[in-house]
């Protein structure tokens, strides 16, 4: 019994694909090699790139949050409201709570 015919994998090209941020699935399609094989052979490089992508995204999120906070401190009502809702779990659902209490009170009066 014979296995599948071995395919040539251009390591330099795959490494370049990883460097520019392509996923294992995307690389597999471009190289006509199974995703499993790409992930098996280039596991460490793919993991390193994924880690770098996460760090870069977190840095961008931090910069954005810093800018939002800065805008809020400059007096932006929109940013103050957004940060209050997201950081302090504030909400503007008070109206709904009051409405529900009024309905309960009306039922008790009847």
PDB file of N, CA and C in Angstrom:
ATOM      1  N   UNK A   1       0.831  -1.174   0.000  1.00  0.00           N
ATOM      2  CA  UNK A   1       0.000   0.000   0.000  1.00  0.00           C
ATOM      3  C   UNK A   1       0.883   1.249   0.000  1.00  0.00           C
ATOM      4  N   UNK A   2       0.581   2.145  -0.886  1.00  0.00           N
ATOM      5  CA  UNK A   2       1.360   3.365  -0.972  1.00  0.00           C
ATOM      6  C   UNK A   2       0.567   4.542  -0.437  1.00  0.00           C
ATOM      7  N   UNK A   3       1.286   5.503   0.128  1.00  0.00           N
ATOM      8  CA  UNK A   3       0.657   6.733   0.602  1.00  0.00           C
ATOM      9  C   UNK A   3       0.501   7.705  -0.555  1.00  0.00           C
ATOM     10  N   UNK A   4       0.067   8.884  -0.223  1.00  0.00           N
ATOM     11  CA  UNK A   4      -0.080   9.927  -1.236  1.00  0.00           C
ATOM     12  C   UNK A   4       1.269  10.344  -1.778  1.00  0.00           C
ATOM     13  N   UNK A   5       1.250  10.853  -2.988  1.00  0.00           N
ATOM     14  CA  UNK A   5       2.468  11.375  -3.586  1.00  0.00           C
ATOM     15  C   UNK A   5       2.881  12.627  -2.815  1.00  0.00           C
ATOM     16  N   UNK A   6       4.145  12.713  -2.462  1.00  0.00           N
ATOM     17  CA  UNK A   6       4.623  13.862  -1.692  1.00  0.00           C
ATOM     18  C   UNK A   6       4.637  15.108  -2.564  1.00  0.00           C
ATOM     19  N   UNK A   7       4.209  16.225  -1.925  1.00  0.00           N
ATOM     20  CA  UNK A   7       4.202  17.500  -2.623  1.00  0.00           C
ATOM     21  C   UNK A   7       5.380  18.329  -2.143  1.00  0.00           C
ATOM     22  N   UNK A   8       5.910  19.090  -3.079  1.00  0.00           N
ATOM     23  CA  UNK A   8       6.992  20.000  -2.740  1.00  0.00           C
ATOM     24  C   UNK A   8       6.393  21.219  -2.055  1.00  0.00           C
ATOM     25  N   UNK A   9       6.985  21.596  -0.934  1.00  0.00           N
ATOM     26  CA  UNK A   9       6.542  22.789  -0.215  1.00  0.00           C
ATOM     27  C   UNK A   9       7.676  23.799  -0.268  1.00  0.00           C
ATOM     28  N   UNK A  10       7.373  24.956  -0.830  1.00  0.00           N
ATOM     29  CA  UNK A  10       8.352  26.028  -0.904  1.00  0.00           C
ATOM     30  C   UNK A  10       8.350  26.739   0.460  1.00  0.00           C
ATOM     31  N   UNK A  11       9.287  26.359   1.316  1.00  0.00           N
ATOM     32  CA  UNK A  11       9.340  26.882   2.681  1.00  0.00           C
ATOM     33  C   UNK A  11       9.489  28.404   2.712  1.00  0.00           C
ATOM     34  N   UNK A  12      10.310  28.935   1.832  1.00  0.00           N
ATOM     35  CA  UNK A  12      10.505  30.389   1.806  1.00  0.00           C
ATOM     36  C   UNK A  12       9.195  31.113   1.505  1.00  0.00           C
ATOM     37  N   UNK A  13       8.430  30.573   0.554  1.00  0.00           N
ATOM     38  CA  UNK A  13       7.166  31.202   0.169  1.00  0.00           C
ATOM     39  C   UNK A  13       6.157  31.100   1.323  1.00  0.00           C
ATOM     40  N   UNK A  14       6.094  29.937   1.973  1.00  0.00           N
ATOM     41  CA  UNK A  14       5.173  29.764   3.103  1.00  0.00           C
ATOM     42  C   UNK A  14       5.568  30.692   4.245  1.00  0.00           C
ATOM     43  N   UNK A  15       6.849  30.789   4.522  1.00  0.00           N
ATOM     44  CA  UNK A  15       7.314  31.699   5.577  1.00  0.00           C
ATOM     45  C   UNK A  15       6.949  33.143   5.260  1.00  0.00           C
ATOM     46  N   UNK A  16       7.012  33.522   3.977  1.00  0.00           N
ATOM     47  CA  UNK A  16       6.632  34.875   3.569  1.00  0.00           C
ATOM     48  C   UNK A  16       5.128  35.065   3.768  1.00  0.00           C
ATOM     49  N   UNK A  17       4.325  34.068   3.426  1.00  0.00           N
ATOM     50  CA  UNK A  17       2.873  34.140   3.642  1.00  0.00           C
ATOM     51  C   UNK A  17       2.558  34.328   5.128  1.00  0.00           C
ATOM     52  N   UNK A  18       3.288  33.603   5.968  1.00  0.00           N
ATOM     53  CA  UNK A  18       3.080  33.731   7.413  1.00  0.00           C
ATOM     54  C   UNK A  18       3.480  35.141   7.866  1.00  0.00           C
ATOM     55  N   UNK A  19       4.596  35.629   7.351  1.00  0.00           N
ATOM     56  CA  UNK A  19       5.089  36.951   7.727  1.00  0.00           C
ATOM     57  C   UNK A  19       4.082  38.052   7.393  1.00  0.00           C
ATOM     58  N   UNK A  20       3.385  37.926   6.264  1.00  0.00           N
ATOM     59  CA  UNK A  20       2.425  38.964   5.900  1.00  0.00           C
ATOM     60  C   UNK A  20       1.065  38.761   6.553  1.00  0.00           C
ATOM     61  N   UNK A  21       0.935  37.653   7.332  1.00  0.00           N
ATOM     62  CA  UNK A  21      -0.259  37.492   8.154  1.00  0.00           C
ATOM     63  C   UNK A  21      -1.325  36.565   7.627  1.00  0.00           C
ATOM     64  N   UNK A  22      -1.026  35.747   6.621  1.00  0.00           N
ATOM     65  CA  UNK A  22      -2.028  34.806   6.131  1.00  0.00           C
ATOM     66  C   UNK A  22      -2.242  33.674   7.131  1.00  0.00           C
ATOM     67  N   UNK A  23      -3.442  33.144   7.156  1.00  0.00           N
ATOM     68  CA  UNK A  23      -3.758  32.040   8.061  1.00  0.00           C
ATOM     69  C   UNK A  23      -3.294  30.720   7.455  1.00  0.00           C
ATOM     70  N   UNK A  24      -3.260  29.682   8.271  1.00  0.00           N
ATOM     71  CA  UNK A  24      -2.904  28.345   7.793  1.00  0.00           C
ATOM     72  C   UNK A  24      -3.819  27.894   6.672  1.00  0.00           C
ATOM     73  N   UNK A  25      -5.097  28.209   6.805  1.00  0.00           N
ATOM     74  CA  UNK A  25      -6.082  27.830   5.780  1.00  0.00           C
ATOM     75  C   UNK A  25      -5.796  28.550   4.461  1.00  0.00           C
ATOM     76  N   UNK A  26      -5.509  29.845   4.549  1.00  0.00           N
ATOM     77  CA  UNK A  26      -5.212  30.621   3.338  1.00  0.00           C
ATOM     78  C   UNK A  26      -3.941  30.119   2.663  1.00  0.00           C
ATOM     79  N   UNK A  27      -2.939  29.812   3.464  1.00  0.00           N
ATOM     80  CA  UNK A  27      -1.674  29.305   2.920  1.00  0.00           C
ATOM     81  C   UNK A  27      -1.895  27.953   2.259  1.00  0.00           C
ATOM     82  N   UNK A  28      -2.703  27.117   2.885  1.00  0.00           N
ATOM     83  CA  UNK A  28      -2.999  25.794   2.325  1.00  0.00           C
ATOM     84  C   UNK A  28      -3.632  25.927   0.942  1.00  0.00           C
ATOM     85  N   UNK A  29      -4.562  26.847   0.808  1.00  0.00           N
ATOM     86  CA  UNK A  29      -5.213  27.046  -0.494  1.00  0.00           C
ATOM     87  C   UNK A  29      -4.225  27.541  -1.547  1.00  0.00           C
ATOM     88  N   UNK A  30      -3.357  28.457  -1.151  1.00  0.00           N
ATOM     89  CA  UNK A  30      -2.390  29.017  -2.103  1.00  0.00           C
ATOM     90  C   UNK A  30      -1.332  28.002  -2.537  1.00  0.00           C
ATOM     91  N   UNK A  31      -0.982  27.105  -1.634  1.00  0.00           N
ATOM     92  CA  UNK A  31       0.103  26.156  -1.916  1.00  0.00           C
ATOM     93  C   UNK A  31      -0.391  24.788  -2.347  1.00  0.00           C
ATOM     94  N   UNK A  32      -1.698  24.581  -2.278  1.00  0.00           N
ATOM     95  CA  UNK A  32      -2.293  23.280  -2.597  1.00  0.00           C
ATOM     96  C   UNK A  32      -1.728  22.165  -1.707  1.00  0.00           C
ATOM     97  N   UNK A  33      -1.509  22.528  -0.455  1.00  0.00           N
ATOM     98  CA  UNK A  33      -1.062  21.584   0.571  1.00  0.00           C
ATOM     99  C   UNK A  33      -2.114  21.637   1.670  1.00  0.00           C
ATOM    100  N   UNK A  34      -2.384  20.521   2.328  1.00  0.00           N
ATOM    101  CA  UNK A  34      -3.440  20.514   3.339  1.00  0.00           C
ATOM    102  C   UNK A  34      -3.117  21.472   4.489  1.00  0.00           C
ATOM    103  N   UNK A  35      -4.178  22.030   5.055  1.00  0.00           N
ATOM    104  CA  UNK A  35      -4.003  22.923   6.203  1.00  0.00           C
ATOM    105  C   UNK A  35      -3.324  22.182   7.346  1.00  0.00           C
ATOM    106  N   UNK A  36      -3.687  20.921   7.535  1.00  0.00           N
ATOM    107  CA  UNK A  36      -3.078  20.111   8.596  1.00  0.00           C
ATOM    108  C   UNK A  36      -1.556  20.071   8.425  1.00  0.00           C
ATOM    109  N   UNK A  37      -1.112  19.831   7.192  1.00  0.00           N
ATOM    110  CA  UNK A  37       0.324  19.738   6.919  1.00  0.00           C
ATOM    111  C   UNK A  37       1.009  21.082   7.151  1.00  0.00           C
ATOM    112  N   UNK A  38       0.384  22.153   6.667  1.00  0.00           N
ATOM    113  CA  UNK A  38       0.959  23.494   6.873  1.00  0.00           C
ATOM    114  C   UNK A  38       1.101  23.764   8.363  1.00  0.00           C
ATOM    115  N   UNK A  39       0.033  23.482   9.114  1.00  0.00           N
ATOM    116  CA  UNK A  39       0.072  23.742  10.563  1.00  0.00           C
ATOM    117  C   UNK A  39       1.093  22.852  11.264  1.00  0.00           C
ATOM    118  N   UNK A  40       1.222  21.623  10.807  1.00  0.00           N
ATOM    119  CA  UNK A  40       2.170  20.692  11.431  1.00  0.00           C
ATOM    120  C   UNK A  40       3.616  21.141  11.195  1.00  0.00           C
ATOM    121  N   UNK A  41       3.935  21.499   9.974  1.00  0.00           N
ATOM    122  CA  UNK A  41       5.309  21.855   9.627  1.00  0.00           C
ATOM    123  C   UNK A  41       5.687  23.246  10.150  1.00  0.00           C
ATOM    124  N   UNK A  42       4.737  24.191  10.076  1.00  0.00           N
ATOM    125  CA  UNK A  42       5.046  25.581  10.409  1.00  0.00           C
ATOM    126  C   UNK A  42       4.373  26.031  11.703  1.00  0.00           C
ATOM    127  N   UNK A  43       4.119  25.081  12.579  1.00  0.00           N
ATOM    128  CA  UNK A  43       3.398  25.356  13.832  1.00  0.00           C
ATOM    129  C   UNK A  43       4.013  26.516  14.619  1.00  0.00           C
ATOM    130  N   UNK A  44       5.304  26.456  14.841  1.00  0.00           N
ATOM    131  CA  UNK A  44       5.967  27.471  15.672  1.00  0.00           C
ATOM    132  C   UNK A  44       5.870  28.861  15.032  1.00  0.00           C
ATOM    133  N   UNK A  45       6.095  28.948  13.723  1.00  0.00           N
ATOM    134  CA  UNK A  45       6.009  30.243  13.050  1.00  0.00           C
ATOM    135  C   UNK A  45       4.591  30.800  13.067  1.00  0.00           C
ATOM    136  N   UNK A  46       3.603  29.924  12.821  1.00  0.00           N
ATOM    137  CA  UNK A  46       2.202  30.362  12.837  1.00  0.00           C
ATOM    138  C   UNK A  46       1.811  30.852  14.223  1.00  0.00           C
ATOM    139  N   UNK A  47       2.238  30.128  15.239  1.00  0.00           N
ATOM    140  CA  UNK A  47       1.912  30.521  16.613  1.00  0.00           C
ATOM    141  C   UNK A  47       2.565  31.851  16.980  1.00  0.00           C
ATOM    142  N   UNK A  48       3.814  32.011  16.580  1.00  0.00           N
ATOM    143  CA  UNK A  48       4.539  33.258  16.856  1.00  0.00           C
ATOM    144  C   UNK A  48       3.832  34.431  16.183  1.00  0.00           C
ATOM    145  N   UNK A  49       3.439  34.260  14.927  1.00  0.00           N
ATOM    146  CA  UNK A  49       2.761  35.328  14.189  1.00  0.00           C
ATOM    147  C   UNK A  49       1.405  35.652  14.829  1.00  0.00           C
ATOM    148  N   UNK A  50       0.688  34.627  15.250  1.00  0.00           N
ATOM    149  CA  UNK A  50      -0.610  34.840  15.898  1.00  0.00           C
ATOM    150  C   UNK A  50      -0.424  35.637  17.192  1.00  0.00           C
ATOM    151  N   UNK A  51       0.601  35.295  17.951  1.00  0.00           N
ATOM    152  CA  UNK A  51       0.907  36.006  19.194  1.00  0.00           C
ATOM    153  C   UNK A  51       1.241  37.477  18.897  1.00  0.00           C
ATOM    154  N   UNK A  52       2.043  37.707  17.867  1.00  0.00           N
ATOM    155  CA  UNK A  52       2.394  39.075  17.477  1.00  0.00           C
ATOM    156  C   UNK A  52       1.151  39.859  17.050  1.00  0.00           C
ATOM    157  N   UNK A  53       0.246  39.189  16.329  1.00  0.00           N
ATOM    158  CA  UNK A  53      -0.992  39.849  15.893  1.00  0.00           C
ATOM    159  C   UNK A  53      -1.851  40.249  17.091  1.00  0.00           C
ATOM    160  N   UNK A  54      -1.923  39.384  18.083  1.00  0.00           N
ATOM    161  CA  UNK A  54      -2.699  39.674  19.289  1.00  0.00           C
ATOM    162  C   UNK A  54      -2.099  40.859  20.033  1.00  0.00           C
ATOM    163  N   UNK A  55      -0.780  40.881  20.163  1.00  0.00           N
ATOM    164  CA  UNK A  55      -0.112  42.003  20.838  1.00  0.00           C
ATOM    165  C   UNK A  55      -0.365  43.310  20.094  1.00  0.00           C
ATOM    166  N   UNK A  56      -0.263  43.276  18.775  1.00  0.00           N
ATOM    167  CA  UNK A  56      -0.485  44.485  17.975  1.00  0.00           C
ATOM    168  C   UNK A  56      -1.925  44.967  18.118  1.00  0.00           C
ATOM    169  N   UNK A  57      -2.888  44.041  18.105  1.00  0.00           N
ATOM    170  CA  UNK A  57      -4.290  44.410  18.253  1.00  0.00           C
ATOM    171  C   UNK A  57      -4.549  45.005  19.633  1.00  0.00           C
ATOM    172  N   UNK A  58      -3.966  44.404  20.662  1.00  0.00           N
ATOM    173  CA  UNK A  58      -4.138  44.932  22.016  1.00  0.00           C
ATOM    174  C   UNK A  58      -3.561  46.337  22.150  1.00  0.00           C
ATOM    175  N   UNK A  59      -2.434  46.575  21.494  1.00  0.00           N
ATOM    176  CA  UNK A  59      -1.827  47.913  21.523  1.00  0.00           C
ATOM    177  C   UNK A  59      -2.742  48.927  20.837  1.00  0.00           C
ATOM    178  N   UNK A  60      -3.337  48.535  19.721  1.00  0.00           N
ATOM    179  CA  UNK A  60      -4.273  49.423  19.017  1.00  0.00           C
ATOM    180  C   UNK A  60      -5.498  49.716  19.877  1.00  0.00           C
ATOM    181  N   UNK A  61      -6.010  48.671  20.547  1.00  0.00           N
ATOM    182  CA  UNK A  61      -7.170  48.854  21.420  1.00  0.00           C
ATOM    183  C   UNK A  61      -6.835  49.816  22.558  1.00  0.00           C
ATOM    184  N   UNK A  62      -5.632  49.674  23.118  1.00  0.00           N
ATOM    185  CA  UNK A  62      -5.217  50.550  24.213  1.00  0.00           C
ATOM    186  C   UNK A  62      -5.139  51.996  23.730  1.00  0.00           C
ATOM    187  N   UNK A  63      -4.560  52.213  22.561  1.00  0.00           N
ATOM    188  CA  UNK A  63      -4.451  53.569  22.027  1.00  0.00           C
ATOM    189  C   UNK A  63      -5.836  54.175  21.789  1.00  0.00           C
ATOM    190  N   UNK A  64      -6.750  53.368  21.263  1.00  0.00           N
ATOM    191  CA  UNK A  64      -8.104  53.843  21.013  1.00  0.00           C
ATOM    192  C   UNK A  64      -8.810  54.197  22.314  1.00  0.00           C
ATOM    193  N   UNK A  65      -8.682  53.335  23.307  1.00  0.00           N
ATOM    194  CA  UNK A  65      -9.304  53.585  24.601  1.00  0.00           C
ATOM    195  C   UNK A  65      -8.711  54.832  25.261  1.00  0.00           C
ATOM    196  N   UNK A  66      -7.391  54.988  25.147  1.00  0.00           N
ATOM    197  CA  UNK A  66      -6.741  56.192  25.678  1.00  0.00           C
ATOM    198  C   UNK A  66      -7.303  57.449  25.011  1.00  0.00           C
ATOM    199  N   UNK A  67      -7.487  57.396  23.691  1.00  0.00           N
ATOM    200  CA  UNK A  67      -8.007  58.541  22.950  1.00  0.00           C
ATOM    201  C   UNK A  67      -9.453  58.824  23.363  1.00  0.00           C
ATOM    202  N   UNK A  68     -10.255  57.775  23.552  1.00  0.00           N
ATOM    203  CA  UNK A  68     -11.635  57.960  23.998  1.00  0.00           C
ATOM    204  C   UNK A  68     -11.666  58.612  25.381  1.00  0.00           C
ATOM    205  N   UNK A  69     -10.812  58.138  26.254  1.00  0.00           N
ATOM    206  CA  UNK A  69     -10.751  58.699  27.609  1.00  0.00           C
ATOM    207  C   UNK A  69     -10.331  60.167  27.549  1.00  0.00           C
ATOM    208  N   UNK A  70      -9.356  60.439  26.706  1.00  0.00           N
ATOM    209  CA  UNK A  70      -8.886  61.822  26.538  1.00  0.00           C
ATOM    210  C   UNK A  70     -10.035  62.715  26.060  1.00  0.00           C
ATOM    211  N   UNK A  71     -10.798  62.225  25.083  1.00  0.00           N
ATOM    212  CA  UNK A  71     -11.951  63.001  24.578  1.00  0.00           C
ATOM    213  C   UNK A  71     -12.988  63.215  25.669  1.00  0.00           C
ATOM    214  N   UNK A  72     -13.232  62.171  26.471  1.00  0.00           N
ATOM    215  CA  UNK A  72     -14.198  62.295  27.565  1.00  0.00           C
ATOM    216  C   UNK A  72     -13.745  63.366  28.553  1.00  0.00           C
ATOM    217  N   UNK A  73     -12.465  63.380  28.881  1.00  0.00           N
ATOM    218  CA  UNK A  73     -11.945  64.345  29.838  1.00  0.00           C
ATOM    219  C   UNK A  73     -11.938  65.768  29.276  1.00  0.00           C
ATOM    220  N   UNK A  74     -11.974  65.870  27.954  1.00  0.00           N
ATOM    221  CA  UNK A  74     -12.073  67.189  27.317  1.00  0.00           C
ATOM    222  C   UNK A  74     -13.514  67.692  27.312  1.00  0.00           C
ATOM    223  N   UNK A  75     -14.436  66.829  27.768  1.00  0.00           N
ATOM    224  CA  UNK A  75     -15.825  67.253  27.869  1.00  0.00           C
ATOM    225  C   UNK A  75     -16.762  66.665  26.829  1.00  0.00           C
ATOM    226  N   UNK A  76     -16.342  65.655  26.102  1.00  0.00           N
ATOM    227  CA  UNK A  76     -17.218  65.038  25.107  1.00  0.00           C
ATOM    228  C   UNK A  76     -18.307  64.223  25.810  1.00  0.00           C
ATOM    229  N   UNK A  77     -19.556  64.701  25.728  1.00  0.00           N
ATOM    230  CA  UNK A  77     -20.675  64.002  26.378  1.00  0.00           C
ATOM    231  C   UNK A  77     -20.815  62.573  25.849  1.00  0.00           C
ATOM    232  N   UNK A  78     -20.622  62.413  24.553  1.00  0.00           N
ATOM    233  CA  UNK A  78     -20.759  61.084  23.952  1.00  0.00           C
ATOM    234  C   UNK A  78     -19.759  60.110  24.565  1.00  0.00           C
ATOM    235  N   UNK A  79     -18.509  60.549  24.685  1.00  0.00           N
ATOM    236  CA  UNK A  79     -17.483  59.677  25.252  1.00  0.00           C
ATOM    237  C   UNK A  79     -17.730  59.436  26.739  1.00  0.00           C
ATOM    238  N   UNK A  80     -18.189  60.452  27.459  1.00  0.00           N
ATOM    239  CA  UNK A  80     -18.504  60.270  28.881  1.00  0.00           C
ATOM    240  C   UNK A  80     -19.595  59.220  29.050  1.00  0.00           C
ATOM    241  N   UNK A  81     -20.632  59.295  28.232  1.00  0.00           N
ATOM    242  CA  UNK A  81     -21.728  58.325  28.304  1.00  0.00           C
ATOM    243  C   UNK A  81     -21.228  56.930  27.938  1.00  0.00           C
ATOM    244  N   UNK A  82     -20.469  56.848  26.837  1.00  0.00           N
ATOM    245  CA  UNK A  82     -19.987  55.538  26.383  1.00  0.00           C
ATOM    246  C   UNK A  82     -19.098  54.891  27.443  1.00  0.00           C
ATOM    247  N   UNK A  83     -18.155  55.658  27.980  1.00  0.00           N
ATOM    248  CA  UNK A  83     -17.257  55.105  29.000  1.00  0.00           C
ATOM    249  C   UNK A  83     -18.030  54.747  30.272  1.00  0.00           C
ATOM    250  N   UNK A  84     -19.005  55.564  30.630  1.00  0.00           N
ATOM    251  CA  UNK A  84     -19.822  55.253  31.803  1.00  0.00           C
ATOM    252  C   UNK A  84     -20.566  53.940  31.641  1.00  0.00           C
ATOM    253  N   UNK A  85     -21.138  53.724  30.484  1.00  0.00           N
ATOM    254  CA  UNK A  85     -21.882  52.485  30.220  1.00  0.00           C
ATOM    255  C   UNK A  85     -20.954  51.274  30.173  1.00  0.00           C
ATOM    256  N   UNK A  86     -19.783  51.441  29.538  1.00  0.00           N
ATOM    257  CA  UNK A  86     -18.903  50.297  29.328  1.00  0.00           C
ATOM    258  C   UNK A  86     -17.945  50.028  30.480  1.00  0.00           C
ATOM    259  N   UNK A  87     -17.467  51.043  31.135  1.00  0.00           N
ATOM    260  CA  UNK A  87     -16.533  50.842  32.244  1.00  0.00           C
ATOM    261  C   UNK A  87     -17.237  50.742  33.583  1.00  0.00           C
ATOM    262  N   UNK A  88     -18.265  51.546  33.741  1.00  0.00           N
ATOM    263  CA  UNK A  88     -18.935  51.621  35.042  1.00  0.00           C
ATOM    264  C   UNK A  88     -20.262  50.868  35.072  1.00  0.00           C
ATOM    265  N   UNK A  89     -20.601  50.225  33.961  1.00  0.00           N
ATOM    266  CA  UNK A  89     -21.843  49.437  33.838  1.00  0.00           C
ATOM    267  C   UNK A  89     -23.075  50.294  34.109  1.00  0.00           C
ATOM    268  N   UNK A  90     -22.990  51.567  33.772  1.00  0.00           N
ATOM    269  CA  UNK A  90     -24.134  52.452  33.929  1.00  0.00           C
ATOM    270  C   UNK A  90     -25.092  52.201  32.768  1.00  0.00           C
ATOM    271  N   UNK A  91     -26.353  52.514  32.986  1.00  0.00           N
ATOM    272  CA  UNK A  91     -27.310  52.363  31.898  1.00  0.00           C
ATOM    273  C   UNK A  91     -28.355  53.447  31.998  1.00  0.00           C
ATOM    274  N   UNK A  92     -29.088  53.613  30.929  1.00  0.00           N
ATOM    275  CA  UNK A  92     -30.174  54.574  30.945  1.00  0.00           C
ATOM    276  C   UNK A  92     -31.513  53.846  30.904  1.00  0.00           C
ATOM    277  N   UNK A  93     -31.594  52.718  31.593  1.00  0.00           N
ATOM    278  CA  UNK A  93     -32.803  51.911  31.651  1.00  0.00           C
ATOM    279  C   UNK A  93     -33.658  52.264  32.869  1.00  0.00           C
ATOM    280  N   UNK A  94     -33.350  53.343  33.519  1.00  0.00           N
ATOM    281  CA  UNK A  94     -34.094  53.761  34.704  1.00  0.00           C
ATOM    282  C   UNK A  94     -35.561  53.943  34.356  1.00  0.00           C
ATOM    283  N   UNK A  95     -35.818  54.534  33.210  1.00  0.00           N
ATOM    284  CA  UNK A  95     -37.177  54.768  32.766  1.00  0.00           C
ATOM    285  C   UNK A  95     -37.981  53.476  32.732  1.00  0.00           C
ATOM    286  N   UNK A  96     -37.391  52.426  32.197  1.00  0.00           N
ATOM    287  CA  UNK A  96     -38.070  51.130  32.107  1.00  0.00           C
ATOM    288  C   UNK A  96     -38.348  50.573  33.500  1.00  0.00           C
ATOM    289  N   UNK A  97     -37.396  50.689  34.413  1.00  0.00           N
ATOM    290  CA  UNK A  97     -37.596  50.212  35.783  1.00  0.00           C
ATOM    291  C   UNK A  97     -38.744  50.963  36.465  1.00  0.00           C
ATOM    292  N   UNK A  98     -38.796  52.261  36.270  1.00  0.00           N
ATOM    293  CA  UNK A  98     -39.859  53.071  36.860  1.00  0.00           C
ATOM    294  C   UNK A  98     -41.197  52.650  36.281  1.00  0.00           C
ATOM    295  N   UNK A  99     -41.249  52.432  34.968  1.00  0.00           N
ATOM    296  CA  UNK A  99     -42.481  52.014  34.302  1.00  0.00           C
ATOM    297  C   UNK A  99     -42.973  50.675  34.875  1.00  0.00           C
ATOM    298  N   UNK A 100     -42.051  49.730  35.074  1.00  0.00           N
ATOM    299  CA  UNK A 100     -42.430  48.427  35.627  1.00  0.00           C
ATOM    300  C   UNK A 100     -42.954  48.573  37.051  1.00  0.00           C
ATOM    301  N   UNK A 101     -42.320  49.399  37.858  1.00  0.00           N
ATOM    302  CA  UNK A 101     -42.772  49.604  39.233  1.00  0.00           C
ATOM    303  C   UNK A 101     -44.152  50.245  39.258  1.00  0.00           C
ATOM    304  N   UNK A 102     -44.407  51.173  38.341  1.00  0.00           N
ATOM    305  CA  UNK A 102     -45.723  51.804  38.259  1.00  0.00           C
ATOM    306  C   UNK A 102     -46.798  50.783  37.919  1.00  0.00           C
ATOM    307  N   UNK A 103     -46.496  49.874  36.994  1.00  0.00           N
ATOM    308  CA  UNK A 103     -47.464  48.845  36.614  1.00  0.00           C
ATOM    309  C   UNK A 103     -47.760  47.927  37.793  1.00  0.00           C
ATOM    310  N   UNK A 104     -46.727  47.556  38.561  1.00  0.00           N
ATOM    311  CA  UNK A 104     -46.927  46.701  39.740  1.00  0.00           C
ATOM    312  C   UNK A 104     -47.769  47.437  40.771  1.00  0.00           C
ATOM    313  N   UNK A 105     -47.456  48.702  40.975  1.00  0.00           N
ATOM    314  CA  UNK A 105     -48.220  49.515  41.933  1.00  0.00           C
ATOM    315  C   UNK A 105     -49.687  49.627  41.513  1.00  0.00           C
ATOM    316  N   UNK A 106     -49.951  49.832  40.228  1.00  0.00           N
ATOM    317  CA  UNK A 106     -51.330  49.925  39.716  1.00  0.00           C
ATOM    318  C   UNK A 106     -52.080  48.623  39.979  1.00  0.00           C
ATOM    319  N   UNK A 107     -51.411  47.495  39.802  1.00  0.00           N
ATOM    320  CA  UNK A 107     -52.047  46.191  40.030  1.00  0.00           C
ATOM    321  C   UNK A 107     -52.363  46.014  41.518  1.00  0.00           C
ATOM    322  N   UNK A 108     -51.460  46.471  42.380  1.00  0.00           N
ATOM    323  CA  UNK A 108     -51.687  46.351  43.818  1.00  0.00           C
ATOM    324  C   UNK A 108     -52.849  47.213  44.267  1.00  0.00           C
ATOM    325  N   UNK A 109     -53.029  48.366  43.627  1.00  0.00           N
ATOM    326  CA  UNK A 109     -54.104  49.288  44.005  1.00  0.00           C
ATOM    327  C   UNK A 109     -55.461  48.699  43.619  1.00  0.00           C
ATOM    328  N   UNK A 110     -55.544  47.992  42.523  1.00  0.00           N
ATOM    329  CA  UNK A 110     -56.807  47.432  42.038  1.00  0.00           C
ATOM    330  C   UNK A 110     -57.329  46.377  42.921  1.00  0.00           C
TER     331      UNK A 110
END
